[in-house]
Amino acid sequence: MSYAALYLSDIAMLWWQPILVAFPEPSIRNDWGEFVDQLNTYFGKPDLAQASKCALCVLKMQDYQHVNKYKIEFSEHATHTGWNNAAL
């Protein structure tokens, strides 16, 4: 946990600092699953499905890109939309 927390910045670091000095030691400091859940709760996208739909609407393949990069980005967002294959 401590190693991963080194990569926190800005508001996420401000959230983590009180946890470091809390006594008794909170369970989040020794539980990776809880750490990830809390990060997602506080700092994850509030509506992943809506964010993915918006990302697909503006997704474009740039002239200098390889088609595989476009396909990967498309697939990454498509899985969260709930759309069927016809809609995608």
Protein backbone atom coordinates (compact mmCIF):
# COMPACT_ATOMS: atom_id res chain seq x y z
CA MET A 1 0.00 0.00 0.00
CA SER A 2 2.70 2.46 0.93
CA TYR A 3 4.44 2.00 -2.41
CA ALA A 4 1.24 2.61 -4.37
CA ALA A 5 0.44 5.63 -2.18
CA LEU A 6 3.72 7.23 -3.28
CA TYR A 7 2.07 7.81 -6.66
CA LEU A 8 -0.89 9.69 -5.25
CA SER A 9 -0.92 13.41 -5.90
CA ASP A 10 -3.00 16.50 -5.32
CA ILE A 11 -6.31 15.82 -3.61
CA ALA A 12 -5.74 12.05 -3.43
CA MET A 13 -2.57 12.65 -1.40
CA LEU A 14 -4.46 15.01 0.89
CA TRP A 15 -7.00 12.21 1.43
CA TRP A 16 -4.26 9.65 2.20
CA GLN A 17 -2.10 11.68 4.60
CA PRO A 18 -4.48 11.54 7.61
CA ILE A 19 -4.76 7.78 7.14
CA LEU A 20 -0.98 7.49 7.53
CA VAL A 21 -0.97 9.09 10.97
CA ALA A 22 -4.28 7.72 12.27
CA PHE A 23 -4.16 5.73 15.49
CA PRO A 24 -5.19 3.00 15.85
CA GLU A 25 -4.04 2.00 12.39
CA PRO A 26 -7.01 1.85 9.99
CA SER A 27 -7.58 -1.40 8.11
CA ILE A 28 -7.20 0.39 4.77
CA ARG A 29 -3.43 0.62 5.37
CA ASN A 30 -3.10 -3.18 5.20
CA ASP A 31 -5.88 -4.16 2.80
CA TRP A 32 -5.22 -3.64 -0.91
CA GLY A 33 -8.85 -4.33 -1.85
CA GLU A 34 -10.15 -1.73 0.57
CA PHE A 35 -7.54 0.76 -0.63
CA VAL A 36 -8.62 0.33 -4.27
CA ASP A 37 -12.32 0.44 -3.35
CA GLN A 38 -11.86 3.67 -1.43
CA LEU A 39 -9.88 5.26 -4.28
CA ASN A 40 -12.61 4.32 -6.74
CA THR A 41 -15.32 5.60 -4.41
CA TYR A 42 -13.71 8.98 -3.88
CA PHE A 43 -11.82 9.55 -7.11
CA GLY A 44 -13.25 7.21 -9.75
CA LYS A 45 -15.54 8.35 -12.51
CA PRO A 46 -18.98 8.98 -11.05
CA ASP A 47 -20.82 7.41 -13.99
CA LEU A 48 -18.57 5.10 -15.96
CA ALA A 49 -21.31 4.12 -18.45
CA GLN A 50 -22.08 7.74 -19.33
CA ALA A 51 -18.39 8.66 -19.52
CA SER A 52 -17.78 5.71 -21.88
CA LYS A 53 -20.71 6.69 -24.11
CA CYS A 54 -19.36 10.23 -24.39
CA ALA A 55 -15.85 8.93 -25.10
CA LEU A 56 -17.16 6.75 -27.95
CA CYS A 57 -19.06 9.66 -29.46
CA VAL A 58 -15.89 11.72 -29.79
CA LEU A 59 -13.46 8.87 -30.54
CA LYS A 60 -11.60 9.46 -33.80
CA MET A 61 -8.69 7.74 -35.42
CA GLN A 62 -5.94 10.28 -36.00
CA ASP A 63 -4.01 10.25 -39.28
CA TYR A 64 -0.81 9.21 -37.54
CA GLN A 65 -2.38 6.43 -35.46
CA HIS A 66 -2.37 2.73 -36.11
CA VAL A 67 -5.79 1.10 -36.41
CA ASN A 68 -5.00 -1.15 -33.43
CA LYS A 69 -4.85 1.84 -31.09
CA TYR A 70 -8.31 2.90 -32.22
CA LYS A 71 -9.69 -0.63 -31.79
CA ILE A 72 -8.26 -0.89 -28.27
CA GLU A 73 -9.72 2.46 -27.22
CA PHE A 74 -13.06 1.55 -28.76
CA SER A 75 -13.18 -1.81 -26.99
CA GLU A 76 -12.16 -0.27 -23.68
CA HIS A 77 -15.12 2.11 -23.74
CA ALA A 78 -17.61 -0.23 -25.44
CA THR A 79 -17.58 -2.72 -22.58
CA HIS A 80 -18.93 -0.12 -20.14
CA THR A 81 -21.78 1.30 -22.23
CA GLY A 82 -24.27 -1.56 -21.99
CA TRP A 83 -24.95 -1.13 -25.72
CA ASN A 84 -25.53 -4.23 -27.85
CA ASN A 85 -23.43 -5.05 -30.94
CA ALA A 86 -25.89 -3.36 -33.31
CA ALA A 87 -25.67 -0.09 -31.38
CA LEU A 88 -21.89 -0.27 -31.21
